[in-house]
């Protein structure tokens, strides 16, 4: 196993840990919503801040899981054109798409960093039934974009080190 493969798998383990945190946030959201419904109908007293907390947890659920979804090959992949290409052209198209994905999500991370820092600098808060800072949620979006951009970059490198068939859906298994 090469150093790159070890690093790729270690990064995959890190992404899997982020996915686990995302799963915990999903479970916490479920408990909060069920608790709120039960409290509202049985005690006539809803849990304060359920909407605001659920909104923030939804960000955690989505953005901490996008990297592991890319690592596992779980994003939608349209192979309508690459199936009709020669293996060499399909390989080039796959690498180009992964590089474009890495650049796009790196740009998204850059833009999100700016908004997160701006939110932090003026201590932006959510004003609802409870008051809490918004910048931690914005930094989670930034972290998700960085993890996804980096995974796209690693996938482009992996595609060059260990080429796969154009219609194969899952890059990590080729390693």
C-alpha atoms as a PDB file:
ATOM      1  CA  UNK A   1       0.000   0.000   0.000  1.00  0.00           C
ATOM      2  CA  UNK A   2       1.422   3.370  -1.037  1.00  0.00           C
ATOM      3  CA  UNK A   3       1.680   6.420   1.196  1.00  0.00           C
ATOM      4  CA  UNK A   4      -1.070   8.058  -0.843  1.00  0.00           C
ATOM      5  CA  UNK A   5      -3.405   5.107  -0.294  1.00  0.00           C
ATOM      6  CA  UNK A   6      -2.716   5.215   3.450  1.00  0.00           C
ATOM      7  CA  UNK A   7      -3.399   8.943   3.518  1.00  0.00           C
ATOM      8  CA  UNK A   8      -6.534   8.498   1.389  1.00  0.00           C
ATOM      9  CA  UNK A   9      -7.880   5.855   3.755  1.00  0.00           C
ATOM     10  CA  UNK A  10      -6.942   7.897   6.842  1.00  0.00           C
ATOM     11  CA  UNK A  11      -8.751  10.902   5.414  1.00  0.00           C
ATOM     12  CA  UNK A  12     -11.686   8.602   4.672  1.00  0.00           C
ATOM     13  CA  UNK A  13     -11.680   7.557   8.340  1.00  0.00           C
ATOM     14  CA  UNK A  14     -11.718  11.222   9.348  1.00  0.00           C
ATOM     15  CA  UNK A  15     -14.655  11.821   6.991  1.00  0.00           C
ATOM     16  CA  UNK A  16     -16.400   8.781   8.438  1.00  0.00           C
ATOM     17  CA  UNK A  17     -16.013  10.328  11.928  1.00  0.00           C
ATOM     18  CA  UNK A  18     -17.582  13.548  10.586  1.00  0.00           C
ATOM     19  CA  UNK A  19     -20.380  11.425   9.135  1.00  0.00           C
ATOM     20  CA  UNK A  20     -20.869   9.838  12.554  1.00  0.00           C
ATOM     21  CA  UNK A  21     -21.173  13.298  14.123  1.00  0.00           C
ATOM     22  CA  UNK A  22     -23.699  14.094  11.386  1.00  0.00           C
ATOM     23  CA  UNK A  23     -25.622  10.948  12.367  1.00  0.00           C
ATOM     24  CA  UNK A  24     -25.598  11.992  16.013  1.00  0.00           C
ATOM     25  CA  UNK A  25     -26.969  15.396  15.005  1.00  0.00           C
ATOM     26  CA  UNK A  26     -29.738  13.639  13.057  1.00  0.00           C
ATOM     27  CA  UNK A  27     -30.586  11.565  16.114  1.00  0.00           C
ATOM     28  CA  UNK A  28     -30.525  14.653  18.360  1.00  0.00           C
ATOM     29  CA  UNK A  29     -32.833  16.439  15.919  1.00  0.00           C
ATOM     30  CA  UNK A  30     -35.209  13.499  15.959  1.00  0.00           C
ATOM     31  CA  UNK A  31     -35.254  13.407  19.773  1.00  0.00           C
ATOM     32  CA  UNK A  32     -35.804  17.150  19.942  1.00  0.00           C
ATOM     33  CA  UNK A  33     -38.695  17.143  17.466  1.00  0.00           C
ATOM     34  CA  UNK A  34     -40.383  14.115  19.072  1.00  0.00           C
ATOM     35  CA  UNK A  35     -39.861  15.619  22.520  1.00  0.00           C
ATOM     36  CA  UNK A  36     -41.308  18.909  21.314  1.00  0.00           C
ATOM     37  CA  UNK A  37     -44.393  17.230  19.819  1.00  0.00           C
ATOM     38  CA  UNK A  38     -44.981  15.140  22.956  1.00  0.00           C
ATOM     39  CA  UNK A  39     -44.420  18.109  25.234  1.00  0.00           C
ATOM     40  CA  UNK A  40     -46.724  20.303  23.171  1.00  0.00           C
ATOM     41  CA  UNK A  41     -49.615  17.820  23.073  1.00  0.00           C
ATOM     42  CA  UNK A  42     -49.264  16.123  26.446  1.00  0.00           C
ATOM     43  CA  UNK A  43     -48.170  19.040  28.617  1.00  0.00           C
ATOM     44  CA  UNK A  44     -49.323  21.941  26.441  1.00  0.00           C
ATOM     45  CA  UNK A  45     -45.818  23.320  26.735  1.00  0.00           C
ATOM     46  CA  UNK A  46     -43.440  23.095  23.731  1.00  0.00           C
ATOM     47  CA  UNK A  47     -39.678  22.907  24.147  1.00  0.00           C
ATOM     48  CA  UNK A  48     -38.283  26.412  23.806  1.00  0.00           C
ATOM     49  CA  UNK A  49     -35.962  26.909  20.841  1.00  0.00           C
ATOM     50  CA  UNK A  50     -36.802  23.710  18.967  1.00  0.00           C
ATOM     51  CA  UNK A  51     -37.034  25.483  15.604  1.00  0.00           C
ATOM     52  CA  UNK A  52     -33.764  27.378  16.007  1.00  0.00           C
ATOM     53  CA  UNK A  53     -31.835  24.358  17.305  1.00  0.00           C
ATOM     54  CA  UNK A  54     -33.231  22.138  14.547  1.00  0.00           C
ATOM     55  CA  UNK A  55     -32.218  24.679  11.893  1.00  0.00           C
ATOM     56  CA  UNK A  56     -28.658  24.675  13.208  1.00  0.00           C
ATOM     57  CA  UNK A  57     -28.504  20.902  13.546  1.00  0.00           C
ATOM     58  CA  UNK A  58     -29.672  20.560   9.960  1.00  0.00           C
ATOM     59  CA  UNK A  59     -26.543  22.427   8.850  1.00  0.00           C
ATOM     60  CA  UNK A  60     -24.424  19.976  10.851  1.00  0.00           C
ATOM     61  CA  UNK A  61     -26.271  17.011   9.334  1.00  0.00           C
ATOM     62  CA  UNK A  62     -25.773  18.197   5.769  1.00  0.00           C
ATOM     63  CA  UNK A  63     -22.342  19.789   5.717  1.00  0.00           C
ATOM     64  CA  UNK A  64     -20.452  17.309   7.871  1.00  0.00           C
ATOM     65  CA  UNK A  65     -21.705  14.472   5.656  1.00  0.00           C
ATOM     66  CA  UNK A  66     -20.932  15.790   2.160  1.00  0.00           C
ATOM     67  CA  UNK A  67     -17.280  14.715   2.285  1.00  0.00           C
ATOM     68  CA  UNK A  68     -17.995  11.121   3.273  1.00  0.00           C
ATOM     69  CA  UNK A  69     -20.715  10.961   0.632  1.00  0.00           C
ATOM     70  CA  UNK A  70     -18.122  11.882  -2.011  1.00  0.00           C
ATOM     71  CA  UNK A  71     -15.599   9.421  -0.540  1.00  0.00           C
ATOM     72  CA  UNK A  72     -18.178   6.622  -0.702  1.00  0.00           C
ATOM     73  CA  UNK A  73     -19.230   7.583  -4.241  1.00  0.00           C
ATOM     74  CA  UNK A  74     -22.724   8.430  -3.069  1.00  0.00           C
ATOM     75  CA  UNK A  75     -23.288  11.618  -5.041  1.00  0.00           C
ATOM     76  CA  UNK A  76     -25.286  11.371  -8.246  1.00  0.00           C
ATOM     77  CA  UNK A  77     -23.070  10.595 -11.191  1.00  0.00           C
ATOM     78  CA  UNK A  78     -24.358  10.815 -14.746  1.00  0.00           C
ATOM     79  CA  UNK A  79     -22.468   8.479 -17.076  1.00  0.00           C
ATOM     80  CA  UNK A  80     -24.539   9.104 -20.194  1.00  0.00           C
ATOM     81  CA  UNK A  81     -21.576  10.608 -22.056  1.00  0.00           C
ATOM     82  CA  UNK A  82     -18.662   8.784 -20.447  1.00  0.00           C
ATOM     83  CA  UNK A  83     -20.126   5.378 -21.299  1.00  0.00           C
ATOM     84  CA  UNK A  84     -19.936   6.296 -24.956  1.00  0.00           C
ATOM     85  CA  UNK A  85     -16.330   7.547 -24.750  1.00  0.00           C
ATOM     86  CA  UNK A  86     -13.168   5.573 -25.147  1.00  0.00           C
ATOM     87  CA  UNK A  87     -11.679   4.505 -21.799  1.00  0.00           C
ATOM     88  CA  UNK A  88      -8.920   7.106 -22.184  1.00  0.00           C
ATOM     89  CA  UNK A  89     -11.387   9.940 -22.878  1.00  0.00           C
ATOM     90  CA  UNK A  90     -13.703   8.793 -20.072  1.00  0.00           C
ATOM     91  CA  UNK A  91     -10.739   8.787 -17.684  1.00  0.00           C
ATOM     92  CA  UNK A  92      -9.789  12.323 -18.752  1.00  0.00           C
ATOM     93  CA  UNK A  93     -13.409  13.482 -18.355  1.00  0.00           C
ATOM     94  CA  UNK A  94     -13.620  11.959 -14.853  1.00  0.00           C
ATOM     95  CA  UNK A  95     -10.391  13.638 -13.762  1.00  0.00           C
ATOM     96  CA  UNK A  96     -11.482  16.959 -15.267  1.00  0.00           C
ATOM     97  CA  UNK A  97     -14.841  16.782 -13.461  1.00  0.00           C
ATOM     98  CA  UNK A  98     -13.136  15.998 -10.151  1.00  0.00           C
ATOM     99  CA  UNK A  99     -10.720  18.902 -10.586  1.00  0.00           C
ATOM    100  CA  UNK A 100     -13.637  21.202 -11.457  1.00  0.00           C
ATOM    101  CA  UNK A 101     -15.464  19.946  -8.357  1.00  0.00           C
ATOM    102  CA  UNK A 102     -12.407  20.611  -6.198  1.00  0.00           C
ATOM    103  CA  UNK A 103     -12.038  24.137  -7.588  1.00  0.00           C
ATOM    104  CA  UNK A 104     -15.746  24.920  -7.271  1.00  0.00           C
ATOM    105  CA  UNK A 105     -16.015  23.754  -3.667  1.00  0.00           C
ATOM    106  CA  UNK A 106     -12.714  25.444  -2.763  1.00  0.00           C
ATOM    107  CA  UNK A 107     -14.263  28.668  -4.080  1.00  0.00           C
ATOM    108  CA  UNK A 108     -17.406  27.930  -2.027  1.00  0.00           C
ATOM    109  CA  UNK A 109     -15.221  27.402   1.046  1.00  0.00           C
ATOM    110  CA  UNK A 110     -13.430  30.697   0.421  1.00  0.00           C
ATOM    111  CA  UNK A 111     -16.741  32.549   0.096  1.00  0.00           C
ATOM    112  CA  UNK A 112     -18.170  30.824   3.166  1.00  0.00           C
ATOM    113  CA  UNK A 113     -15.065  31.701   5.187  1.00  0.00           C
ATOM    114  CA  UNK A 114     -15.667  35.365   4.406  1.00  0.00           C
ATOM    115  CA  UNK A 115     -19.297  35.196   5.584  1.00  0.00           C
ATOM    116  CA  UNK A 116     -18.384  33.183   8.689  1.00  0.00           C
ATOM    117  CA  UNK A 117     -15.682  35.679   9.657  1.00  0.00           C
ATOM    118  CA  UNK A 118     -18.043  38.573   9.022  1.00  0.00           C
ATOM    119  CA  UNK A 119     -20.670  36.899  11.211  1.00  0.00           C
ATOM    120  CA  UNK A 120     -18.060  36.325  13.929  1.00  0.00           C
ATOM    121  CA  UNK A 121     -16.738  39.882  13.762  1.00  0.00           C
ATOM    122  CA  UNK A 122     -20.100  41.466  14.521  1.00  0.00           C
ATOM    123  CA  UNK A 123     -21.258  38.616  16.761  1.00  0.00           C
ATOM    124  CA  UNK A 124     -24.312  37.727  14.665  1.00  0.00           C
ATOM    125  CA  UNK A 125     -27.078  36.001  16.612  1.00  0.00           C
ATOM    126  CA  UNK A 126     -30.296  34.179  15.788  1.00  0.00           C
ATOM    127  CA  UNK A 127     -33.196  35.995  17.415  1.00  0.00           C
ATOM    128  CA  UNK A 128     -36.132  33.699  17.968  1.00  0.00           C
ATOM    129  CA  UNK A 129     -37.534  31.992  21.009  1.00  0.00           C
ATOM    130  CA  UNK A 130     -33.898  31.615  22.076  1.00  0.00           C
ATOM    131  CA  UNK A 131     -30.865  33.710  21.179  1.00  0.00           C
ATOM    132  CA  UNK A 132     -27.653  32.024  20.051  1.00  0.00           C
ATOM    133  CA  UNK A 133     -24.667  32.903  17.835  1.00  0.00           C
ATOM    134  CA  UNK A 134     -24.841  32.023  14.125  1.00  0.00           C
ATOM    135  CA  UNK A 135     -21.128  32.048  13.313  1.00  0.00           C
ATOM    136  CA  UNK A 136     -20.446  28.491  14.582  1.00  0.00           C
ATOM    137  CA  UNK A 137     -22.997  27.196  12.080  1.00  0.00           C
ATOM    138  CA  UNK A 138     -21.360  29.217   9.308  1.00  0.00           C
ATOM    139  CA  UNK A 139     -17.946  27.788  10.226  1.00  0.00           C
ATOM    140  CA  UNK A 140     -19.438  24.284   9.953  1.00  0.00           C
ATOM    141  CA  UNK A 141     -20.543  25.117   6.404  1.00  0.00           C
ATOM    142  CA  UNK A 142     -16.982  26.280   5.691  1.00  0.00           C
ATOM    143  CA  UNK A 143     -15.531  23.056   7.141  1.00  0.00           C
ATOM    144  CA  UNK A 144     -17.906  20.950   5.037  1.00  0.00           C
ATOM    145  CA  UNK A 145     -16.913  22.786   1.862  1.00  0.00           C
ATOM    146  CA  UNK A 146     -13.202  22.360   2.650  1.00  0.00           C
ATOM    147  CA  UNK A 147     -13.632  18.626   3.311  1.00  0.00           C
ATOM    148  CA  UNK A 148     -15.581  18.170   0.076  1.00  0.00           C
ATOM    149  CA  UNK A 149     -13.105  20.175  -2.025  1.00  0.00           C
ATOM    150  CA  UNK A 150     -10.205  18.198  -0.583  1.00  0.00           C
ATOM    151  CA  UNK A 151     -11.983  14.894  -1.243  1.00  0.00           C
ATOM    152  CA  UNK A 152     -12.566  15.885  -4.878  1.00  0.00           C
ATOM    153  CA  UNK A 153      -8.852  16.679  -5.156  1.00  0.00           C
ATOM    154  CA  UNK A 154      -7.887  13.346  -3.608  1.00  0.00           C
ATOM    155  CA  UNK A 155     -10.286  11.556  -5.953  1.00  0.00           C
ATOM    156  CA  UNK A 156      -8.672  13.257  -8.964  1.00  0.00           C
ATOM    157  CA  UNK A 157      -5.239  12.102  -7.757  1.00  0.00           C
ATOM    158  CA  UNK A 158      -6.540   8.597  -7.027  1.00  0.00           C
ATOM    159  CA  UNK A 159      -8.068   8.440 -10.500  1.00  0.00           C
ATOM    160  CA  UNK A 160      -4.636   9.167 -11.960  1.00  0.00           C
ATOM    161  CA  UNK A 161      -2.778   6.726  -9.736  1.00  0.00           C
ATOM    162  CA  UNK A 162      -5.284   3.901 -10.097  1.00  0.00           C
ATOM    163  CA  UNK A 163      -7.460   4.423 -13.195  1.00  0.00           C
ATOM    164  CA  UNK A 164     -10.917   2.920 -13.045  1.00  0.00           C
ATOM    165  CA  UNK A 165     -13.420   2.062 -15.752  1.00  0.00           C
ATOM    166  CA  UNK A 166     -15.494   5.015 -16.932  1.00  0.00           C
ATOM    167  CA  UNK A 167     -18.787   3.571 -15.720  1.00  0.00           C
ATOM    168  CA  UNK A 168     -17.509   2.381 -12.340  1.00  0.00           C
ATOM    169  CA  UNK A 169     -19.280   4.369  -9.649  1.00  0.00           C
ATOM    170  CA  UNK A 170     -16.994   4.036  -6.652  1.00  0.00           C
ATOM    171  CA  UNK A 171     -13.391   5.286  -6.729  1.00  0.00           C
ATOM    172  CA  UNK A 172     -12.248   4.161  -3.221  1.00  0.00           C
ATOM    173  CA  UNK A 173     -12.939   0.475  -3.948  1.00  0.00           C
ATOM    174  CA  UNK A 174     -10.465   0.602  -6.853  1.00  0.00           C
ATOM    175  CA  UNK A 175      -7.755   1.329  -4.344  1.00  0.00           C
END
